[in-house]
Structures are given as structure tokens and as C-alpha cells.
Amino acid sequence: MKQMLRSALLILLMSFVATSAWADKYDETKKMFEDAGASDMFGSAYGYALFPTIGKAGFVVGGAYGEGRVYEQERYVGDTTMTQATIGFQLGGEGFSQVIFFEDKRAFDEFIRGKFEFGADVQAVVLTAAAGVSANTTGSSATASGGKNNATTGGSGYYKGMATFTISKGGAMYEASIGGQKFSFSRR
């Protein structure tokens, strides 16, 4: 079963990588979030971590992985990865973009030191329409998306100095699971 899960996650990740424009995927992702209503956050945040694509798959046991960049006061300062493991009722795969805003230097420094975040998620994603609710150690949030051109972001501001927004890129997944995320950071 683990081999089947790994294969499904690899296929999902490869499909998103093959369709991405490498040269400016970070600019395009930032613009997508700005168009969805997060432009004020980019202007006022101390920094942010931007993930153009995070791939996620699960069948009872699930996982997610994504690579991103970290910006401090609009300057690219390093790279980050996100890995997630979940267990519970889940089936399918999805891809999404994510941005994490840091309200101040304290929150930024906390992120680049790296730590686990445990959460409980209930989410449904079909093609490029999505709705979801999350409750975790950094607060709670809601997300909704109707695709790249009419996406909306969820969340109502900072909690403990961080705010997270996601936009679904596609897939088909139902999930009611418990899991943990780990972020790593390396200076460029």
C-alpha cells in the first residue's frame, strides 16, 4: 500500500511540474494571490514564504510536498520545503499554491528556525473548485477556490504572527485527517 501511495504522489507531482513555467512561476503565483485579494498582505507583511505548487495524495495514509522561496521585506533570502504526513479518512490527490505571511521579524525568525505544526483538516477538492476548513496550532482558516482566474483566498488575518492562504490548482480529494507539517529553510 505504501508503494501505491508513493507512486500516486510521484505521478501527481510530476504532472504539476511538467505543466509549470519554471522561469517566472514565483511571480505568477504571487500575482495569482494578489488578484485573489491578498495584495495588501504582500505590502504590509515583514516577509512571506511562497509555494507555487504543493502536491498532496492520500489513501488512509497521505503525504504532501512542495518547494518554495522565502522573502524578507520583499527580498528573496532563501528556499523552503514543506513536507506533510497525515492519517485518517482520505482518498485522492490534489495540487495547490500556498503563501505564508509573517507579520513581524519575530514570526519570520520563528519560521526560518523550522518547527512542526500539527493540524486537523476536513477538506473537499474537485477539479479546480475547492472548499476547506483547517484547525491547527497556528489558528484556523477557511479556503475556497474556483480556479486560477476567479480564485478567492480564505483567512482573516494573522494568528501568532502568521497568516496562511491557499488556492487550489486541481485534483480530486476528500479528507478528514490528522497530520503534521514540517518546514525547512536554507539561505541562498
N, C-alpha and C. Protein backbone atom coordinates (compact mmCIF):
# COMPACT_ATOMS: atom_id res chain seq x y z
N MET A 1 0.82 -1.18 0.00
CA MET A 1 0.00 0.00 0.00
C MET A 1 0.87 1.26 0.00
N LYS A 2 2.00 1.23 0.74
CA LYS A 2 2.89 2.38 0.77
C LYS A 2 3.46 2.67 -0.62
N GLN A 3 3.81 1.61 -1.35
CA GLN A 3 4.35 1.78 -2.70
C GLN A 3 3.31 2.43 -3.61
N MET A 4 2.05 2.03 -3.48
CA MET A 4 0.98 2.61 -4.29
C MET A 4 0.82 4.10 -3.97
N LEU A 5 0.89 4.46 -2.69
CA LEU A 5 0.78 5.86 -2.28
C LEU A 5 1.94 6.68 -2.83
N ARG A 6 3.16 6.15 -2.72
CA ARG A 6 4.33 6.85 -3.26
C ARG A 6 4.20 7.06 -4.76
N SER A 7 3.75 6.04 -5.46
CA SER A 7 3.58 6.15 -6.92
C SER A 7 2.55 7.20 -7.28
N ALA A 8 1.44 7.22 -6.57
CA ALA A 8 0.38 8.20 -6.84
C ALA A 8 0.89 9.62 -6.57
N LEU A 9 1.61 9.82 -5.47
CA LEU A 9 2.15 11.14 -5.15
C LEU A 9 3.18 11.57 -6.19
N LEU A 10 4.04 10.66 -6.62
CA LEU A 10 5.04 10.98 -7.63
C LEU A 10 4.39 11.37 -8.95
N ILE A 11 3.38 10.64 -9.37
CA ILE A 11 2.67 10.96 -10.62
C ILE A 11 2.01 12.33 -10.52
N LEU A 12 1.36 12.61 -9.38
CA LEU A 12 0.71 13.90 -9.17
C LEU A 12 1.73 15.04 -9.23
N LEU A 13 2.84 14.89 -8.53
CA LEU A 13 3.87 15.93 -8.53
C LEU A 13 4.46 16.14 -9.91
N MET A 14 4.72 15.06 -10.64
CA MET A 14 5.30 15.17 -11.98
C MET A 14 4.33 15.87 -12.93
N SER A 15 3.04 15.63 -12.79
CA SER A 15 2.08 16.27 -13.68
C SER A 15 2.06 17.78 -13.48
N PHE A 16 2.21 18.24 -12.23
CA PHE A 16 2.23 19.67 -11.98
C PHE A 16 3.55 20.29 -12.41
N VAL A 17 4.66 19.60 -12.23
CA VAL A 17 5.97 20.09 -12.63
C VAL A 17 6.04 20.22 -14.14
N ALA A 18 5.52 19.25 -14.85
CA ALA A 18 5.59 19.26 -16.31
C ALA A 18 4.81 20.40 -16.93
N THR A 19 3.81 20.92 -16.24
CA THR A 19 2.99 21.98 -16.80
C THR A 19 3.37 23.36 -16.29
N SER A 20 4.33 23.45 -15.40
CA SER A 20 4.71 24.74 -14.82
C SER A 20 5.69 25.48 -15.71
N ALA A 21 5.60 26.78 -15.70
CA ALA A 21 6.59 27.61 -16.36
C ALA A 21 7.66 27.92 -15.32
N TRP A 22 8.85 27.39 -15.50
CA TRP A 22 9.90 27.49 -14.48
C TRP A 22 10.41 28.91 -14.30
N ALA A 23 10.58 29.66 -15.35
CA ALA A 23 11.26 30.94 -15.28
C ALA A 23 10.58 31.93 -14.33
N ASP A 24 9.27 31.98 -14.33
CA ASP A 24 8.61 33.01 -13.54
C ASP A 24 7.46 32.45 -12.71
N LYS A 25 7.57 31.22 -12.27
CA LYS A 25 6.47 30.63 -11.52
C LYS A 25 6.22 31.34 -10.20
N TYR A 26 7.25 31.93 -9.60
CA TYR A 26 7.05 32.65 -8.34
C TYR A 26 6.32 33.97 -8.57
N ASP A 27 6.69 34.69 -9.64
CA ASP A 27 5.98 35.93 -9.97
C ASP A 27 4.52 35.65 -10.30
N GLU A 28 4.28 34.59 -11.09
CA GLU A 28 2.91 34.24 -11.46
C GLU A 28 2.08 33.84 -10.24
N THR A 29 2.69 33.10 -9.32
CA THR A 29 1.98 32.67 -8.12
C THR A 29 1.66 33.87 -7.24
N LYS A 30 2.62 34.77 -7.08
CA LYS A 30 2.38 35.98 -6.28
C LYS A 30 1.24 36.79 -6.89
N LYS A 31 1.25 36.95 -8.21
CA LYS A 31 0.19 37.72 -8.88
C LYS A 31 -1.18 37.04 -8.68
N MET A 32 -1.20 35.71 -8.73
CA MET A 32 -2.45 34.98 -8.53
C MET A 32 -3.02 35.28 -7.14
N PHE A 33 -2.17 35.29 -6.11
CA PHE A 33 -2.64 35.61 -4.76
C PHE A 33 -3.05 37.08 -4.64
N GLU A 34 -2.30 37.97 -5.28
CA GLU A 34 -2.67 39.39 -5.26
C GLU A 34 -4.03 39.60 -5.90
N ASP A 35 -4.26 38.96 -7.05
CA ASP A 35 -5.55 39.07 -7.74
C ASP A 35 -6.70 38.49 -6.92
N ALA A 36 -6.37 37.52 -6.06
CA ALA A 36 -7.39 36.87 -5.24
C ALA A 36 -7.69 37.66 -3.96
N GLY A 37 -7.01 38.76 -3.74
CA GLY A 37 -7.33 39.60 -2.59
C GLY A 37 -6.25 39.72 -1.53
N ALA A 38 -5.07 39.17 -1.76
CA ALA A 38 -4.02 39.22 -0.74
C ALA A 38 -2.97 40.30 -1.02
N SER A 39 -3.25 41.24 -1.93
CA SER A 39 -2.24 42.23 -2.30
C SER A 39 -1.85 43.11 -1.11
N ASP A 40 -2.77 43.46 -0.23
CA ASP A 40 -2.44 44.26 0.94
C ASP A 40 -1.48 43.52 1.87
N MET A 41 -1.64 42.19 1.95
CA MET A 41 -0.77 41.39 2.81
C MET A 41 0.67 41.42 2.30
N PHE A 42 0.87 41.34 0.99
CA PHE A 42 2.22 41.39 0.44
C PHE A 42 2.87 42.73 0.77
N GLY A 43 2.08 43.80 0.75
CA GLY A 43 2.62 45.13 1.02
C GLY A 43 2.93 45.41 2.48
N SER A 44 2.20 44.77 3.39
CA SER A 44 2.37 45.09 4.80
C SER A 44 3.13 44.04 5.61
N ALA A 45 3.28 42.84 5.09
CA ALA A 45 3.95 41.77 5.82
C ALA A 45 5.45 42.01 5.91
N TYR A 46 6.05 41.56 6.99
CA TYR A 46 7.51 41.64 7.14
C TYR A 46 8.18 40.71 6.12
N GLY A 47 7.56 39.58 5.86
CA GLY A 47 8.08 38.62 4.90
C GLY A 47 7.03 37.58 4.58
N TYR A 48 7.39 36.66 3.68
CA TYR A 48 6.46 35.59 3.31
C TYR A 48 7.21 34.42 2.69
N ALA A 49 6.57 33.26 2.76
CA ALA A 49 7.05 32.05 2.08
C ALA A 49 6.03 31.73 1.00
N LEU A 50 6.49 31.51 -0.22
CA LEU A 50 5.62 31.32 -1.37
C LEU A 50 5.89 29.96 -2.01
N PHE A 51 4.84 29.15 -2.11
CA PHE A 51 4.92 27.81 -2.69
C PHE A 51 4.05 27.77 -3.95
N PRO A 52 4.65 27.76 -5.15
CA PRO A 52 3.85 27.71 -6.38
C PRO A 52 3.00 26.46 -6.48
N THR A 53 3.56 25.29 -6.11
CA THR A 53 2.78 24.05 -6.18
C THR A 53 3.17 23.13 -5.03
N ILE A 54 2.16 22.70 -4.31
CA ILE A 54 2.30 21.64 -3.32
C ILE A 54 1.42 20.50 -3.79
N GLY A 55 2.01 19.33 -3.94
CA GLY A 55 1.26 18.14 -4.35
C GLY A 55 0.91 17.31 -3.13
N LYS A 56 -0.30 16.79 -3.12
CA LYS A 56 -0.79 16.03 -1.96
C LYS A 56 -1.57 14.82 -2.46
N ALA A 57 -1.35 13.67 -1.83
CA ALA A 57 -2.07 12.45 -2.19
C ALA A 57 -2.30 11.63 -0.93
N GLY A 58 -3.38 10.85 -0.95
CA GLY A 58 -3.63 10.02 0.21
C GLY A 58 -4.61 8.90 -0.04
N PHE A 59 -4.39 7.82 0.68
CA PHE A 59 -5.31 6.69 0.75
C PHE A 59 -5.10 6.12 2.15
N VAL A 60 -5.89 6.55 3.10
CA VAL A 60 -5.76 6.29 4.53
C VAL A 60 -4.52 7.02 5.08
N VAL A 61 -3.33 6.71 4.55
CA VAL A 61 -2.11 7.43 4.89
C VAL A 61 -1.83 8.37 3.74
N GLY A 62 -1.44 9.61 4.04
CA GLY A 62 -1.21 10.57 2.97
C GLY A 62 0.06 11.36 3.18
N GLY A 63 0.42 12.09 2.16
CA GLY A 63 1.59 12.93 2.23
C GLY A 63 1.49 14.09 1.28
N ALA A 64 2.27 15.12 1.55
CA ALA A 64 2.32 16.29 0.68
C ALA A 64 3.75 16.80 0.66
N TYR A 65 4.11 17.46 -0.44
CA TYR A 65 5.45 18.01 -0.57
C TYR A 65 5.40 19.21 -1.50
N GLY A 66 6.15 20.23 -1.16
CA GLY A 66 6.27 21.40 -2.02
C GLY A 66 7.54 22.17 -1.74
N GLU A 67 8.04 22.84 -2.75
CA GLU A 67 9.23 23.67 -2.63
C GLU A 67 8.84 25.12 -2.85
N GLY A 68 9.47 26.02 -2.09
CA GLY A 68 9.14 27.42 -2.22
C GLY A 68 10.32 28.32 -1.95
N ARG A 69 10.02 29.60 -1.94
CA ARG A 69 11.02 30.63 -1.65
C ARG A 69 10.55 31.47 -0.48
N VAL A 70 11.52 31.99 0.25
CA VAL A 70 11.24 32.84 1.40
C VAL A 70 11.73 34.25 1.08
N TYR A 71 10.88 35.22 1.37
CA TYR A 71 11.18 36.63 1.11
C TYR A 71 11.14 37.40 2.43
N GLU A 72 12.16 38.22 2.66
CA GLU A 72 12.21 39.09 3.82
C GLU A 72 12.20 40.52 3.32
N GLN A 73 11.18 41.26 3.67
CA GLN A 73 11.00 42.64 3.22
C GLN A 73 11.17 42.74 1.70
N GLU A 74 10.43 41.86 0.98
CA GLU A 74 10.37 41.79 -0.49
C GLU A 74 11.66 41.29 -1.14
N ARG A 75 12.66 40.87 -0.36
CA ARG A 75 13.93 40.39 -0.91
C ARG A 75 14.01 38.88 -0.74
N TYR A 76 14.30 38.17 -1.82
CA TYR A 76 14.45 36.71 -1.79
C TYR A 76 15.68 36.36 -0.97
N VAL A 77 15.47 35.62 0.14
CA VAL A 77 16.58 35.32 1.05
C VAL A 77 16.89 33.83 1.17
N GLY A 78 16.01 32.96 0.70
CA GLY A 78 16.29 31.54 0.84
C GLY A 78 15.19 30.66 0.29
N ASP A 79 15.42 29.37 0.40
CA ASP A 79 14.49 28.37 -0.11
C ASP A 79 13.87 27.60 1.06
N THR A 80 12.69 27.07 0.83
CA THR A 80 11.99 26.32 1.86
C THR A 80 11.33 25.09 1.22
N THR A 81 11.14 24.08 2.02
CA THR A 81 10.36 22.92 1.60
C THR A 81 9.31 22.65 2.67
N MET A 82 8.20 22.09 2.23
CA MET A 82 7.14 21.70 3.14
C MET A 82 6.87 20.22 2.91
N THR A 83 6.91 19.45 3.98
CA THR A 83 6.51 18.05 3.92
C THR A 83 5.41 17.85 4.94
N GLN A 84 4.48 16.99 4.60
CA GLN A 84 3.33 16.75 5.47
C GLN A 84 3.00 15.27 5.45
N ALA A 85 2.66 14.75 6.61
CA ALA A 85 2.18 13.37 6.73
C ALA A 85 0.83 13.41 7.43
N THR A 86 -0.13 12.62 6.92
CA THR A 86 -1.47 12.60 7.51
C THR A 86 -1.96 11.16 7.62
N ILE A 87 -2.88 10.95 8.52
CA ILE A 87 -3.54 9.66 8.66
C ILE A 87 -5.00 9.91 8.99
N GLY A 88 -5.87 9.10 8.42
CA GLY A 88 -7.30 9.27 8.62
C GLY A 88 -8.04 8.93 7.35
N PHE A 89 -9.31 9.32 7.28
CA PHE A 89 -10.10 9.06 6.10
C PHE A 89 -9.69 10.05 5.01
N GLN A 90 -9.04 9.56 3.97
CA GLN A 90 -8.61 10.40 2.85
C GLN A 90 -8.45 9.55 1.61
N LEU A 91 -8.77 10.16 0.49
CA LEU A 91 -8.70 9.44 -0.77
C LEU A 91 -8.52 10.46 -1.89
N GLY A 92 -7.49 10.26 -2.72
CA GLY A 92 -7.32 11.10 -3.89
C GLY A 92 -6.02 11.87 -3.89
N GLY A 93 -5.97 12.90 -4.70
CA GLY A 93 -4.80 13.75 -4.81
C GLY A 93 -5.20 15.15 -5.23
N GLU A 94 -4.39 16.10 -4.91
CA GLU A 94 -4.66 17.49 -5.27
C GLU A 94 -3.37 18.27 -5.35
N GLY A 95 -3.45 19.40 -5.97
CA GLY A 95 -2.33 20.34 -6.02
C GLY A 95 -2.85 21.71 -5.63
N PHE A 96 -2.02 22.46 -4.91
CA PHE A 96 -2.44 23.81 -4.51
C PHE A 96 -1.23 24.71 -4.36
N SER A 97 -1.47 26.00 -4.43
CA SER A 97 -0.44 27.00 -4.17
C SER A 97 -0.69 27.54 -2.77
N GLN A 98 0.38 27.96 -2.10
CA GLN A 98 0.24 28.44 -0.73
C GLN A 98 1.20 29.59 -0.48
N VAL A 99 0.77 30.55 0.32
CA VAL A 99 1.64 31.61 0.79
C VAL A 99 1.44 31.74 2.31
N ILE A 100 2.54 31.90 3.02
CA ILE A 100 2.50 32.11 4.46
C ILE A 100 3.11 33.49 4.71
N PHE A 101 2.33 34.39 5.29
CA PHE A 101 2.80 35.74 5.60
C PHE A 101 3.30 35.80 7.04
N PHE A 102 4.36 36.58 7.25
CA PHE A 102 4.92 36.80 8.58
C PHE A 102 4.71 38.25 8.94
N GLU A 103 3.99 38.48 10.01
CA GLU A 103 3.61 39.83 10.42
C GLU A 103 4.81 40.67 10.83
N ASP A 104 5.80 40.05 11.49
CA ASP A 104 6.93 40.80 12.00
C ASP A 104 8.19 39.93 11.99
N LYS A 105 9.31 40.50 12.40
CA LYS A 105 10.59 39.79 12.39
C LYS A 105 10.55 38.57 13.31
N ARG A 106 9.88 38.67 14.44
CA ARG A 106 9.78 37.55 15.36
C ARG A 106 9.15 36.34 14.69
N ALA A 107 8.04 36.53 14.00
CA ALA A 107 7.36 35.43 13.30
C ALA A 107 8.23 34.89 12.17
N PHE A 108 8.89 35.79 11.44
CA PHE A 108 9.79 35.38 10.36
C PHE A 108 10.92 34.50 10.91
N ASP A 109 11.56 34.95 11.99
CA ASP A 109 12.65 34.19 12.60
C ASP A 109 12.18 32.84 13.11
N GLU A 110 10.99 32.81 13.65
CA GLU A 110 10.41 31.55 14.14
C GLU A 110 10.25 30.55 12.98
N PHE A 111 9.80 31.04 11.84
CA PHE A 111 9.61 30.17 10.68
C PHE A 111 10.94 29.63 10.17
N ILE A 112 11.94 30.49 10.00
CA ILE A 112 13.19 30.03 9.39
C ILE A 112 13.97 29.10 10.32
N ARG A 113 13.65 29.10 11.61
CA ARG A 113 14.26 28.11 12.52
C ARG A 113 13.64 26.74 12.31
N GLY A 114 12.42 26.67 11.77
CA GLY A 114 11.74 25.41 11.47
C GLY A 114 11.10 24.79 12.70
N LYS A 115 9.86 24.32 12.55
CA LYS A 115 9.17 23.64 13.64
C LYS A 115 8.01 22.85 13.07
N PHE A 116 7.50 21.90 13.84
CA PHE A 116 6.34 21.12 13.42
C PHE A 116 5.07 21.91 13.69
N GLU A 117 4.08 21.67 12.85
CA GLU A 117 2.75 22.22 13.06
C GLU A 117 1.78 21.06 12.93
N PHE A 118 1.09 20.73 13.98
CA PHE A 118 0.13 19.64 13.94
C PHE A 118 -1.24 20.22 13.67
N GLY A 119 -2.03 19.56 12.84
CA GLY A 119 -3.33 20.09 12.49
C GLY A 119 -4.35 19.01 12.24
N ALA A 120 -5.61 19.44 12.21
CA ALA A 120 -6.72 18.56 11.84
C ALA A 120 -7.44 19.22 10.69
N ASP A 121 -7.60 18.51 9.59
CA ASP A 121 -8.17 19.09 8.39
C ASP A 121 -9.41 18.33 7.93
N VAL A 122 -10.37 19.06 7.42
CA VAL A 122 -11.50 18.49 6.70
C VAL A 122 -11.58 19.27 5.41
N GLN A 123 -11.50 18.58 4.28
CA GLN A 123 -11.38 19.29 3.02
C GLN A 123 -11.97 18.48 1.88
N ALA A 124 -12.54 19.16 0.90
CA ALA A 124 -13.03 18.51 -0.31
C ALA A 124 -12.54 19.33 -1.50
N VAL A 125 -11.94 18.68 -2.49
CA VAL A 125 -11.45 19.36 -3.69
C VAL A 125 -11.91 18.57 -4.90
N VAL A 126 -12.53 19.24 -5.86
CA VAL A 126 -12.92 18.60 -7.10
C VAL A 126 -12.49 19.51 -8.24
N LEU A 127 -11.64 19.00 -9.12
CA LEU A 127 -11.06 19.77 -10.22
C LEU A 127 -10.46 21.06 -9.68
N THR A 128 -10.89 22.24 -10.17
CA THR A 128 -10.31 23.47 -9.64
C THR A 128 -11.25 24.20 -8.70
N ALA A 129 -12.30 23.54 -8.26
CA ALA A 129 -13.18 24.15 -7.26
C ALA A 129 -12.88 23.50 -5.93
N ALA A 130 -12.79 24.27 -4.88
CA ALA A 130 -12.43 23.68 -3.60
C ALA A 130 -13.07 24.45 -2.45
N ALA A 131 -13.26 23.74 -1.36
CA ALA A 131 -13.69 24.36 -0.11
C ALA A 131 -13.03 23.58 1.00
N GLY A 132 -12.60 24.27 2.03
CA GLY A 132 -11.94 23.55 3.11
C GLY A 132 -11.93 24.33 4.40
N VAL A 133 -11.73 23.61 5.49
CA VAL A 133 -11.62 24.21 6.81
C VAL A 133 -10.44 23.56 7.50
N SER A 134 -9.62 24.34 8.20
CA SER A 134 -8.49 23.79 8.93
C SER A 134 -8.47 24.36 10.34
N ALA A 135 -8.08 23.53 11.27
CA ALA A 135 -7.84 23.97 12.64
C ALA A 135 -6.51 23.37 13.04
N ASN A 136 -5.57 24.21 13.47
CA ASN A 136 -4.26 23.70 13.84
C ASN A 136 -3.62 24.58 14.89
N THR A 137 -2.37 24.34 15.20
CA THR A 137 -1.71 25.07 16.28
C THR A 137 -1.47 26.53 15.94
N THR A 138 -1.61 26.90 14.68
CA THR A 138 -1.43 28.31 14.33
C THR A 138 -2.78 28.99 14.09
N GLY A 139 -3.88 28.38 14.48
CA GLY A 139 -5.19 29.00 14.31
C GLY A 139 -6.05 28.22 13.37
N SER A 140 -7.10 28.87 12.89
CA SER A 140 -8.00 28.20 11.97
C SER A 140 -8.15 29.06 10.73
N SER A 141 -8.51 28.40 9.62
CA SER A 141 -8.71 29.14 8.39
C SER A 141 -9.71 28.42 7.52
N ALA A 142 -10.23 29.15 6.56
CA ALA A 142 -11.14 28.57 5.57
C ALA A 142 -10.62 28.95 4.20
N THR A 143 -10.79 28.05 3.22
CA THR A 143 -10.34 28.34 1.88
C THR A 143 -11.43 28.04 0.88
N ALA A 144 -11.37 28.75 -0.24
CA ALA A 144 -12.29 28.48 -1.34
C ALA A 144 -11.61 28.88 -2.62
N SER A 145 -11.88 28.14 -3.69
CA SER A 145 -11.26 28.48 -4.96
C SER A 145 -12.12 27.98 -6.10
N GLY A 146 -12.21 28.78 -7.14
CA GLY A 146 -12.92 28.37 -8.33
C GLY A 146 -12.01 28.29 -9.52
N GLY A 147 -10.72 28.28 -9.33
CA GLY A 147 -9.77 28.22 -10.41
C GLY A 147 -8.86 29.43 -10.39
N LYS A 148 -7.88 29.42 -11.28
CA LYS A 148 -6.84 30.44 -11.30
C LYS A 148 -7.39 31.85 -11.49
N ASN A 149 -8.35 32.02 -12.36
CA ASN A 149 -8.80 33.36 -12.70
C ASN A 149 -9.87 33.92 -11.77
N ASN A 150 -10.53 33.07 -11.02
CA ASN A 150 -11.56 33.58 -10.11
C ASN A 150 -11.38 33.02 -8.71
N ALA A 151 -10.13 32.82 -8.32
CA ALA A 151 -9.85 32.25 -7.01
C ALA A 151 -10.09 33.27 -5.92
N THR A 152 -10.47 32.76 -4.78
CA THR A 152 -10.58 33.61 -3.60
C THR A 152 -9.74 32.99 -2.51
N THR A 153 -9.28 33.81 -1.60
CA THR A 153 -8.46 33.31 -0.52
C THR A 153 -9.26 33.32 0.76
N GLY A 154 -8.83 32.52 1.71
CA GLY A 154 -9.53 32.44 2.98
C GLY A 154 -8.61 32.80 4.11
N GLY A 155 -9.20 33.11 5.25
CA GLY A 155 -8.41 33.51 6.40
C GLY A 155 -8.71 34.95 6.71
N SER A 156 -8.55 35.33 7.95
CA SER A 156 -8.97 36.69 8.30
C SER A 156 -7.85 37.47 8.95
N GLY A 157 -6.61 37.13 8.73
CA GLY A 157 -5.53 37.89 9.30
C GLY A 157 -4.54 37.00 10.01
N TYR A 158 -3.72 37.63 10.82
CA TYR A 158 -2.63 36.93 11.49
C TYR A 158 -3.08 36.23 12.76
N TYR A 159 -2.44 35.11 13.03
CA TYR A 159 -2.59 34.40 14.29
C TYR A 159 -1.18 34.03 14.73
N LYS A 160 -0.77 34.51 15.87
CA LYS A 160 0.60 34.29 16.37
C LYS A 160 1.63 34.75 15.33
N GLY A 161 1.31 35.83 14.63
CA GLY A 161 2.25 36.43 13.70
C GLY A 161 2.30 35.83 12.31
N MET A 162 1.45 34.83 12.02
CA MET A 162 1.47 34.19 10.70
C MET A 162 0.05 34.11 10.14
N ALA A 163 -0.05 34.21 8.81
CA ALA A 163 -1.32 34.05 8.10
C ALA A 163 -1.06 33.21 6.86
N THR A 164 -1.92 32.22 6.62
CA THR A 164 -1.73 31.30 5.51
C THR A 164 -2.91 31.39 4.55
N PHE A 165 -2.60 31.41 3.25
CA PHE A 165 -3.61 31.42 2.21
C PHE A 165 -3.29 30.31 1.21
N THR A 166 -4.31 29.63 0.70
CA THR A 166 -4.12 28.60 -0.31
C THR A 166 -5.08 28.81 -1.48
N ILE A 167 -4.65 28.40 -2.64
CA ILE A 167 -5.50 28.39 -3.84
C ILE A 167 -5.36 27.02 -4.48
N SER A 168 -6.48 26.35 -4.68
CA SER A 168 -6.47 25.02 -5.29
C SER A 168 -6.08 25.12 -6.76
N LYS A 169 -5.24 24.19 -7.20
CA LYS A 169 -4.85 24.12 -8.61
C LYS A 169 -5.57 22.99 -9.32
N GLY A 170 -6.11 22.04 -8.56
CA GLY A 170 -6.85 20.95 -9.18
C GLY A 170 -6.63 19.65 -8.46
N GLY A 171 -7.42 18.67 -8.86
CA GLY A 171 -7.33 17.35 -8.28
C GLY A 171 -8.69 16.89 -7.82
N ALA A 172 -8.71 15.76 -7.16
CA ALA A 172 -9.93 15.22 -6.58
C ALA A 172 -9.56 14.53 -5.28
N MET A 173 -9.95 15.13 -4.15
CA MET A 173 -9.56 14.57 -2.87
C MET A 173 -10.61 14.87 -1.82
N TYR A 174 -10.90 13.85 -0.99
CA TYR A 174 -11.71 14.06 0.20
C TYR A 174 -10.83 13.69 1.38
N GLU A 175 -10.92 14.48 2.45
CA GLU A 175 -10.01 14.25 3.56
C GLU A 175 -10.64 14.65 4.88
N ALA A 176 -10.51 13.79 5.87
CA ALA A 176 -10.79 14.09 7.27
C ALA A 176 -9.65 13.42 8.02
N SER A 177 -8.59 14.17 8.29
CA SER A 177 -7.37 13.54 8.78
C SER A 177 -6.68 14.37 9.85
N ILE A 178 -5.71 13.74 10.47
CA ILE A 178 -4.84 14.40 11.44
C ILE A 178 -3.42 14.22 10.92
N GLY A 179 -2.62 15.26 11.00
CA GLY A 179 -1.27 15.13 10.49
C GLY A 179 -0.37 16.23 10.97
N GLY A 180 0.84 16.21 10.51
CA GLY A 180 1.81 17.23 10.87
C GLY A 180 2.55 17.74 9.66
N GLN A 181 2.93 19.00 9.71
CA GLN A 181 3.71 19.61 8.64
C GLN A 181 5.07 19.98 9.19
N LYS A 182 6.07 19.93 8.33
CA LYS A 182 7.42 20.35 8.69
C LYS A 182 7.93 21.25 7.58
N PHE A 183 8.45 22.39 7.97
CA PHE A 183 9.05 23.32 7.01
C PHE A 183 10.55 23.37 7.27
N SER A 184 11.33 23.39 6.20
CA SER A 184 12.77 23.57 6.34
C SER A 184 13.14 24.83 5.59
N PHE A 185 14.28 25.42 5.96
CA PHE A 185 14.73 26.66 5.35
C PHE A 185 16.23 26.59 5.13
N SER A 186 16.69 27.10 3.98
CA SER A 186 18.12 27.25 3.74
C SER A 186 18.35 28.59 3.06
N ARG A 187 19.32 29.32 3.59
CA ARG A 187 19.67 30.63 2.99
C ARG A 187 20.27 30.42 1.62
N ARG A 188 20.02 31.36 0.74
CA ARG A 188 20.59 31.23 -0.61
C ARG A 188 21.97 31.81 -0.67
